[in-house]
Amino acid sequence: MKIRIFSTLLFMLLIVINCNYAISETKAICNIEQGSIQKFFNTDSFIIKFSNIIYEHKEKKIKIPIFKGSMGDVLYDDFRKFCSVNNLLEEGFRENGFIIKTDKGKLSKTFNEFLLFYKKSILSNTDLNKPSRIEVDGGGLYLFYEFNIEGVPCVIYIVATTKEEYKSADQIKSITGIELDEKAKIPHFRYSFWINYKSEEIPVL
């Protein structure tokens, strides 16, 4: 009899714990403003409009501002939960990055504004024309800028398509002066943050 009562109490306790977790998770998701996350067509990339995105690593909070964002702060884990619950991203999978979409003829200008925005924050000690790592593939440009927050090594990884096709990264003399492909059907570039990584550890995607 005592065993049965104990089992019942244990079962009820587990239900309460699960309910509290579900309520907490739902509350976090509800705090995300409508329109702050937009899936970029049929891809695993997103347009986000948060003011800051906050990553957590070993009890440290890595707070990173978002270019042209104004819709409040979000924990990265809550962003992932929101995408999973709303079937925007398969659970357990990482997003492919965040998208900056522009009007025709404004891609290169916006790209430079983006770089200068981060020069004022996470890349304040970085020469924008000297990325930690740079890769090219024809018109594909892959930039890796390392930075450090709270003693944690981080990387902002940027992917863009250039007007000119390059065979070698040595051909690029200036990042801030580079022209992107303004004739693209949907002018955009992609970026992502990698926490507790060095640039050489990140795959070119």
C-alpha atoms as a PDB file:
ATOM      1  CA  MET A   1       0.000   0.000   0.000  1.00  0.00           C
ATOM      2  CA  LYS A   2       2.799   2.388   0.960  1.00  0.00           C
ATOM      3  CA  ILE A   3       4.626   1.584  -2.276  1.00  0.00           C
ATOM      4  CA  ARG A   4       1.475   2.349  -4.292  1.00  0.00           C
ATOM      5  CA  ILE A   5       1.005   5.695  -2.502  1.00  0.00           C
ATOM      6  CA  PHE A   6       4.667   6.589  -3.021  1.00  0.00           C
ATOM      7  CA  SER A   7       4.447   5.700  -6.723  1.00  0.00           C
ATOM      8  CA  THR A   8       1.333   7.858  -7.094  1.00  0.00           C
ATOM      9  CA  LEU A   9       2.988  10.812  -5.370  1.00  0.00           C
ATOM     10  CA  LEU A  10       6.111  10.427  -7.514  1.00  0.00           C
ATOM     11  CA  PHE A  11       3.974  10.319 -10.661  1.00  0.00           C
ATOM     12  CA  MET A  12       2.116  13.479  -9.613  1.00  0.00           C
ATOM     13  CA  LEU A  13       5.407  15.226  -8.842  1.00  0.00           C
ATOM     14  CA  LEU A  14       6.721  14.419 -12.314  1.00  0.00           C
ATOM     15  CA  ILE A  15       3.536  15.822 -13.844  1.00  0.00           C
ATOM     16  CA  VAL A  16       3.946  19.066 -11.893  1.00  0.00           C
ATOM     17  CA  ILE A  17       7.605  19.373 -12.931  1.00  0.00           C
ATOM     18  CA  ASN A  18       6.757  18.763 -16.585  1.00  0.00           C
ATOM     19  CA  CYS A  19       3.893  21.260 -16.445  1.00  0.00           C
ATOM     20  CA  ASN A  20       6.119  23.919 -14.884  1.00  0.00           C
ATOM     21  CA  TYR A  21       8.746  23.314 -17.573  1.00  0.00           C
ATOM     22  CA  ALA A  22       6.123  23.559 -20.304  1.00  0.00           C
ATOM     23  CA  ILE A  23       4.710  26.778 -18.799  1.00  0.00           C
ATOM     24  CA  SER A  24       8.202  28.268 -18.528  1.00  0.00           C
ATOM     25  CA  GLU A  25       9.007  27.308 -22.122  1.00  0.00           C
ATOM     26  CA  THR A  26       5.683  28.695 -23.393  1.00  0.00           C
ATOM     27  CA  LYS A  27       6.205  31.933 -21.464  1.00  0.00           C
ATOM     28  CA  ALA A  28       9.652  32.386 -23.024  1.00  0.00           C
ATOM     29  CA  ILE A  29       8.230  31.803 -26.496  1.00  0.00           C
ATOM     30  CA  CYS A  30       5.315  34.188 -25.856  1.00  0.00           C
ATOM     31  CA  ASN A  31       7.802  36.927 -24.956  1.00  0.00           C
ATOM     32  CA  ILE A  32       9.059  36.884 -28.543  1.00  0.00           C
ATOM     33  CA  GLU A  33       7.308  39.678 -30.441  1.00  0.00           C
ATOM     34  CA  GLN A  34       5.266  38.866 -33.501  1.00  0.00           C
ATOM     35  CA  GLY A  35       7.273  39.629 -36.640  1.00  0.00           C
ATOM     36  CA  SER A  36      10.680  39.497 -34.958  1.00  0.00           C
ATOM     37  CA  ILE A  37      11.505  36.209 -36.712  1.00  0.00           C
ATOM     38  CA  GLN A  38      10.902  35.631 -40.422  1.00  0.00           C
ATOM     39  CA  LYS A  39      11.915  32.487 -42.276  1.00  0.00           C
ATOM     40  CA  PHE A  40      13.876  33.273 -45.452  1.00  0.00           C
ATOM     41  CA  PHE A  41      11.858  31.404 -48.071  1.00  0.00           C
ATOM     42  CA  ASN A  42      12.318  27.621 -47.952  1.00  0.00           C
ATOM     43  CA  THR A  43      15.686  27.703 -46.187  1.00  0.00           C
ATOM     44  CA  ASP A  44      17.019  27.295 -42.659  1.00  0.00           C
ATOM     45  CA  SER A  45      18.021  30.978 -42.583  1.00  0.00           C
ATOM     46  CA  PHE A  46      16.069  33.754 -40.884  1.00  0.00           C
ATOM     47  CA  ILE A  47      15.576  37.494 -40.900  1.00  0.00           C
ATOM     48  CA  ILE A  48      15.615  38.537 -37.232  1.00  0.00           C
ATOM     49  CA  LYS A  49      14.704  41.936 -35.804  1.00  0.00           C
ATOM     50  CA  PHE A  50      15.783  41.601 -32.189  1.00  0.00           C
ATOM     51  CA  SER A  51      17.829  44.323 -30.497  1.00  0.00           C
ATOM     52  CA  ASN A  52      20.271  41.769 -29.079  1.00  0.00           C
ATOM     53  CA  ILE A  53      20.662  38.009 -29.167  1.00  0.00           C
ATOM     54  CA  ILE A  54      22.045  36.406 -26.007  1.00  0.00           C
ATOM     55  CA  TYR A  55      24.014  33.160 -26.060  1.00  0.00           C
ATOM     56  CA  GLU A  56      24.807  31.269 -22.870  1.00  0.00           C
ATOM     57  CA  HIS A  57      28.100  29.469 -22.373  1.00  0.00           C
ATOM     58  CA  LYS A  58      29.264  28.034 -19.042  1.00  0.00           C
ATOM     59  CA  GLU A  59      27.049  30.407 -17.018  1.00  0.00           C
ATOM     60  CA  LYS A  60      28.285  33.391 -19.029  1.00  0.00           C
ATOM     61  CA  LYS A  61      25.943  35.509 -21.134  1.00  0.00           C
ATOM     62  CA  ILE A  62      27.264  36.535 -24.539  1.00  0.00           C
ATOM     63  CA  LYS A  63      25.150  39.530 -25.602  1.00  0.00           C
ATOM     64  CA  ILE A  64      25.468  40.527 -29.259  1.00  0.00           C
ATOM     65  CA  PRO A  65      23.633  43.443 -30.907  1.00  0.00           C
ATOM     66  CA  ILE A  66      21.660  42.828 -34.092  1.00  0.00           C
ATOM     67  CA  PHE A  67      22.046  45.139 -37.084  1.00  0.00           C
ATOM     68  CA  LYS A  68      18.917  47.298 -37.459  1.00  0.00           C
ATOM     69  CA  GLY A  69      17.195  45.312 -34.707  1.00  0.00           C
ATOM     70  CA  SER A  70      14.732  47.004 -32.352  1.00  0.00           C
ATOM     71  CA  MET A  71      12.335  44.340 -31.051  1.00  0.00           C
ATOM     72  CA  GLY A  72      13.881  43.540 -27.692  1.00  0.00           C
ATOM     73  CA  ASP A  73      16.413  40.993 -26.491  1.00  0.00           C
ATOM     74  CA  VAL A  74      16.132  37.244 -26.977  1.00  0.00           C
ATOM     75  CA  LEU A  75      17.983  34.259 -25.601  1.00  0.00           C
ATOM     76  CA  TYR A  76      19.375  32.158 -28.423  1.00  0.00           C
ATOM     77  CA  ASP A  77      17.846  29.031 -26.863  1.00  0.00           C
ATOM     78  CA  ASP A  78      14.412  30.709 -26.865  1.00  0.00           C
ATOM     79  CA  PHE A  79      14.867  31.611 -30.531  1.00  0.00           C
ATOM     80  CA  ARG A  80      15.576  27.933 -31.249  1.00  0.00           C
ATOM     81  CA  LYS A  81      12.537  26.809 -29.222  1.00  0.00           C
ATOM     82  CA  PHE A  82      10.299  29.276 -31.033  1.00  0.00           C
ATOM     83  CA  CYS A  83      11.484  28.035 -34.436  1.00  0.00           C
ATOM     84  CA  SER A  84      11.026  24.395 -33.412  1.00  0.00           C
ATOM     85  CA  VAL A  85       7.528  24.868 -31.916  1.00  0.00           C
ATOM     86  CA  ASN A  86       6.389  26.811 -34.981  1.00  0.00           C
ATOM     87  CA  ASN A  87       7.879  24.279 -37.425  1.00  0.00           C
ATOM     88  CA  LEU A  88      10.344  26.804 -38.807  1.00  0.00           C
ATOM     89  CA  LEU A  89      13.347  24.662 -37.947  1.00  0.00           C
ATOM     90  CA  GLU A  90      13.696  20.973 -37.236  1.00  0.00           C
ATOM     91  CA  GLU A  91      14.373  20.293 -33.569  1.00  0.00           C
ATOM     92  CA  GLY A  92      18.033  19.630 -32.836  1.00  0.00           C
ATOM     93  CA  PHE A  93      19.258  21.389 -35.983  1.00  0.00           C
ATOM     94  CA  ARG A  94      21.107  24.705 -36.106  1.00  0.00           C
ATOM     95  CA  GLU A  95      19.884  27.542 -38.309  1.00  0.00           C
ATOM     96  CA  ASN A  96      21.981  28.246 -41.396  1.00  0.00           C
ATOM     97  CA  GLY A  97      22.366  31.886 -40.432  1.00  0.00           C
ATOM     98  CA  PHE A  98      20.639  35.238 -40.345  1.00  0.00           C
ATOM     99  CA  ILE A  99      19.775  37.238 -43.446  1.00  0.00           C
ATOM    100  CA  ILE A 100      20.132  40.914 -44.327  1.00  0.00           C
ATOM    101  CA  LYS A 101      17.889  41.588 -47.308  1.00  0.00           C
ATOM    102  CA  THR A 102      18.106  44.901 -49.192  1.00  0.00           C
ATOM    103  CA  ASP A 103      16.476  46.805 -52.011  1.00  0.00           C
ATOM    104  CA  LYS A 104      18.009  46.644 -55.473  1.00  0.00           C
ATOM    105  CA  GLY A 105      21.126  48.785 -55.770  1.00  0.00           C
ATOM    106  CA  LYS A 106      21.671  49.049 -51.997  1.00  0.00           C
ATOM    107  CA  LEU A 107      23.435  45.775 -51.239  1.00  0.00           C
ATOM    108  CA  SER A 108      27.030  47.055 -51.144  1.00  0.00           C
ATOM    109  CA  LYS A 109      26.015  50.147 -49.156  1.00  0.00           C
ATOM    110  CA  THR A 110      24.113  48.057 -46.610  1.00  0.00           C
ATOM    111  CA  PHE A 111      27.007  45.588 -46.368  1.00  0.00           C
ATOM    112  CA  ASN A 112      29.367  48.412 -45.411  1.00  0.00           C
ATOM    113  CA  GLU A 113      26.860  49.799 -42.912  1.00  0.00           C
ATOM    114  CA  PHE A 114      26.629  46.318 -41.403  1.00  0.00           C
ATOM    115  CA  LEU A 115      30.418  46.083 -40.991  1.00  0.00           C
ATOM    116  CA  LEU A 116      30.642  49.577 -39.490  1.00  0.00           C
ATOM    117  CA  PHE A 117      27.812  48.745 -37.068  1.00  0.00           C
ATOM    118  CA  TYR A 118      29.802  45.825 -35.672  1.00  0.00           C
ATOM    119  CA  LYS A 119      33.018  47.857 -35.744  1.00  0.00           C
ATOM    120  CA  LYS A 120      31.354  49.989 -33.053  1.00  0.00           C
ATOM    121  CA  SER A 121      30.636  46.992 -30.855  1.00  0.00           C
ATOM    122  CA  ILE A 122      32.000  43.444 -31.031  1.00  0.00           C
ATOM    123  CA  LEU A 123      34.673  44.277 -33.651  1.00  0.00           C
ATOM    124  CA  SER A 124      35.943  47.478 -32.019  1.00  0.00           C
ATOM    125  CA  ASN A 125      39.517  46.134 -31.897  1.00  0.00           C
ATOM    126  CA  THR A 126      39.417  44.654 -35.394  1.00  0.00           C
ATOM    127  CA  ASP A 127      40.642  46.001 -38.735  1.00  0.00           C
ATOM    128  CA  LEU A 128      37.656  45.313 -40.999  1.00  0.00           C
ATOM    129  CA  ASN A 129      39.983  44.923 -43.971  1.00  0.00           C
ATOM    130  CA  LYS A 130      41.884  42.164 -42.187  1.00  0.00           C
ATOM    131  CA  PRO A 131      39.442  39.368 -41.296  1.00  0.00           C
ATOM    132  CA  SER A 132      40.762  36.504 -39.183  1.00  0.00           C
ATOM    133  CA  ARG A 133      40.084  34.280 -42.168  1.00  0.00           C
ATOM    134  CA  ILE A 134      38.838  34.853 -45.703  1.00  0.00           C
ATOM    135  CA  GLU A 135      37.784  32.355 -48.349  1.00  0.00           C
ATOM    136  CA  VAL A 136      36.609  32.903 -51.931  1.00  0.00           C
ATOM    137  CA  ASP A 137      34.896  30.671 -54.455  1.00  0.00           C
ATOM    138  CA  GLY A 138      34.285  32.523 -57.701  1.00  0.00           C
ATOM    139  CA  GLY A 139      31.722  35.105 -56.661  1.00  0.00           C
ATOM    140  CA  GLY A 140      31.354  33.624 -53.182  1.00  0.00           C
ATOM    141  CA  LEU A 141      32.951  35.621 -50.364  1.00  0.00           C
ATOM    142  CA  TYR A 142      33.342  34.067 -46.911  1.00  0.00           C
ATOM    143  CA  LEU A 143      34.546  36.306 -44.079  1.00  0.00           C
ATOM    144  CA  PHE A 144      35.420  35.252 -40.533  1.00  0.00           C
ATOM    145  CA  TYR A 145      35.975  37.881 -37.846  1.00  0.00           C
ATOM    146  CA  GLU A 146      37.046  36.706 -34.412  1.00  0.00           C
ATOM    147  CA  PHE A 147      36.091  38.586 -31.249  1.00  0.00           C
ATOM    148  CA  ASN A 148      35.948  37.922 -27.529  1.00  0.00           C
ATOM    149  CA  ILE A 149      33.189  38.483 -24.961  1.00  0.00           C
ATOM    150  CA  GLU A 150      33.505  37.557 -21.284  1.00  0.00           C
ATOM    151  CA  GLY A 151      36.673  35.644 -22.105  1.00  0.00           C
ATOM    152  CA  VAL A 152      34.823  33.429 -24.599  1.00  0.00           C
ATOM    153  CA  PRO A 153      36.213  33.269 -28.175  1.00  0.00           C
ATOM    154  CA  CYS A 154      33.540  34.006 -30.793  1.00  0.00           C
ATOM    155  CA  VAL A 155      33.296  34.451 -34.554  1.00  0.00           C
ATOM    156  CA  ILE A 156      30.955  36.371 -36.803  1.00  0.00           C
ATOM    157  CA  TYR A 157      30.818  34.538 -40.125  1.00  0.00           C
ATOM    158  CA  ILE A 158      29.587  36.470 -43.169  1.00  0.00           C
ATOM    159  CA  VAL A 159      28.676  35.081 -46.579  1.00  0.00           C
ATOM    160  CA  ALA A 160      28.107  37.336 -49.592  1.00  0.00           C
ATOM    161  CA  THR A 161      28.232  37.232 -53.384  1.00  0.00           C
ATOM    162  CA  THR A 162      30.590  39.685 -55.061  1.00  0.00           C
ATOM    163  CA  LYS A 163      30.240  41.491 -58.388  1.00  0.00           C
ATOM    164  CA  GLU A 164      33.661  40.280 -59.453  1.00  0.00           C
ATOM    165  CA  GLU A 165      34.725  36.650 -59.339  1.00  0.00           C
ATOM    166  CA  TYR A 166      37.935  35.996 -57.419  1.00  0.00           C
ATOM    167  CA  LYS A 167      40.282  33.051 -57.762  1.00  0.00           C
ATOM    168  CA  SER A 168      42.256  33.922 -54.645  1.00  0.00           C
ATOM    169  CA  ALA A 169      41.655  35.887 -51.457  1.00  0.00           C
ATOM    170  CA  ASP A 170      44.918  37.725 -52.184  1.00  0.00           C
ATOM    171  CA  GLN A 171      43.125  39.547 -55.002  1.00  0.00           C
ATOM    172  CA  ILE A 172      40.905  41.342 -52.500  1.00  0.00           C
ATOM    173  CA  LYS A 173      42.614  44.504 -51.284  1.00  0.00           C
ATOM    174  CA  SER A 174      39.750  46.025 -49.296  1.00  0.00           C
ATOM    175  CA  ILE A 175      36.700  44.473 -47.652  1.00  0.00           C
ATOM    176  CA  THR A 176      34.952  47.773 -46.962  1.00  0.00           C
ATOM    177  CA  GLY A 177      35.344  48.840 -50.576  1.00  0.00           C
ATOM    178  CA  ILE A 178      34.234  45.588 -52.184  1.00  0.00           C
ATOM    179  CA  GLU A 179      31.262  45.587 -54.542  1.00  0.00           C
ATOM    180  CA  LEU A 180      28.608  42.933 -54.081  1.00  0.00           C
ATOM    181  CA  ASP A 181      26.344  41.479 -56.756  1.00  0.00           C
ATOM    182  CA  GLU A 182      23.657  44.158 -57.053  1.00  0.00           C
ATOM    183  CA  LYS A 183      21.952  42.214 -59.870  1.00  0.00           C
ATOM    184  CA  ALA A 184      20.955  39.315 -57.668  1.00  0.00           C
ATOM    185  CA  LYS A 185      17.263  38.454 -57.881  1.00  0.00           C
ATOM    186  CA  ILE A 186      16.937  38.909 -54.122  1.00  0.00           C
ATOM    187  CA  PRO A 187      19.851  41.076 -52.913  1.00  0.00           C
ATOM    188  CA  HIS A 188      21.023  39.750 -49.539  1.00  0.00           C
ATOM    189  CA  PHE A 189      23.920  38.470 -47.505  1.00  0.00           C
ATOM    190  CA  ARG A 190      24.042  36.028 -44.623  1.00  0.00           C
ATOM    191  CA  TYR A 191      25.759  36.056 -41.249  1.00  0.00           C
ATOM    192  CA  SER A 192      25.972  33.867 -38.167  1.00  0.00           C
ATOM    193  CA  PHE A 193      27.561  33.868 -34.730  1.00  0.00           C
ATOM    194  CA  TRP A 194      29.697  31.003 -33.471  1.00  0.00           C
ATOM    195  CA  ILE A 195      30.294  30.915 -29.728  1.00  0.00           C
ATOM    196  CA  ASN A 196      33.402  29.256 -28.252  1.00  0.00           C
ATOM    197  CA  TYR A 197      34.903  28.775 -31.709  1.00  0.00           C
ATOM    198  CA  LYS A 198      37.975  29.917 -33.608  1.00  0.00           C
ATOM    199  CA  SER A 199      37.651  30.855 -37.268  1.00  0.00           C
ATOM    200  CA  GLU A 200      39.604  27.831 -38.522  1.00  0.00           C
ATOM    201  CA  GLU A 201      37.115  25.503 -36.816  1.00  0.00           C
ATOM    202  CA  ILE A 202      34.118  26.741 -38.790  1.00  0.00           C
ATOM    203  CA  PRO A 203      33.131  25.010 -42.041  1.00  0.00           C
ATOM    204  CA  VAL A 204      32.502  27.061 -45.161  1.00  0.00           C
ATOM    205  CA  LEU A 205      28.755  26.751 -45.664  1.00  0.00           C
END
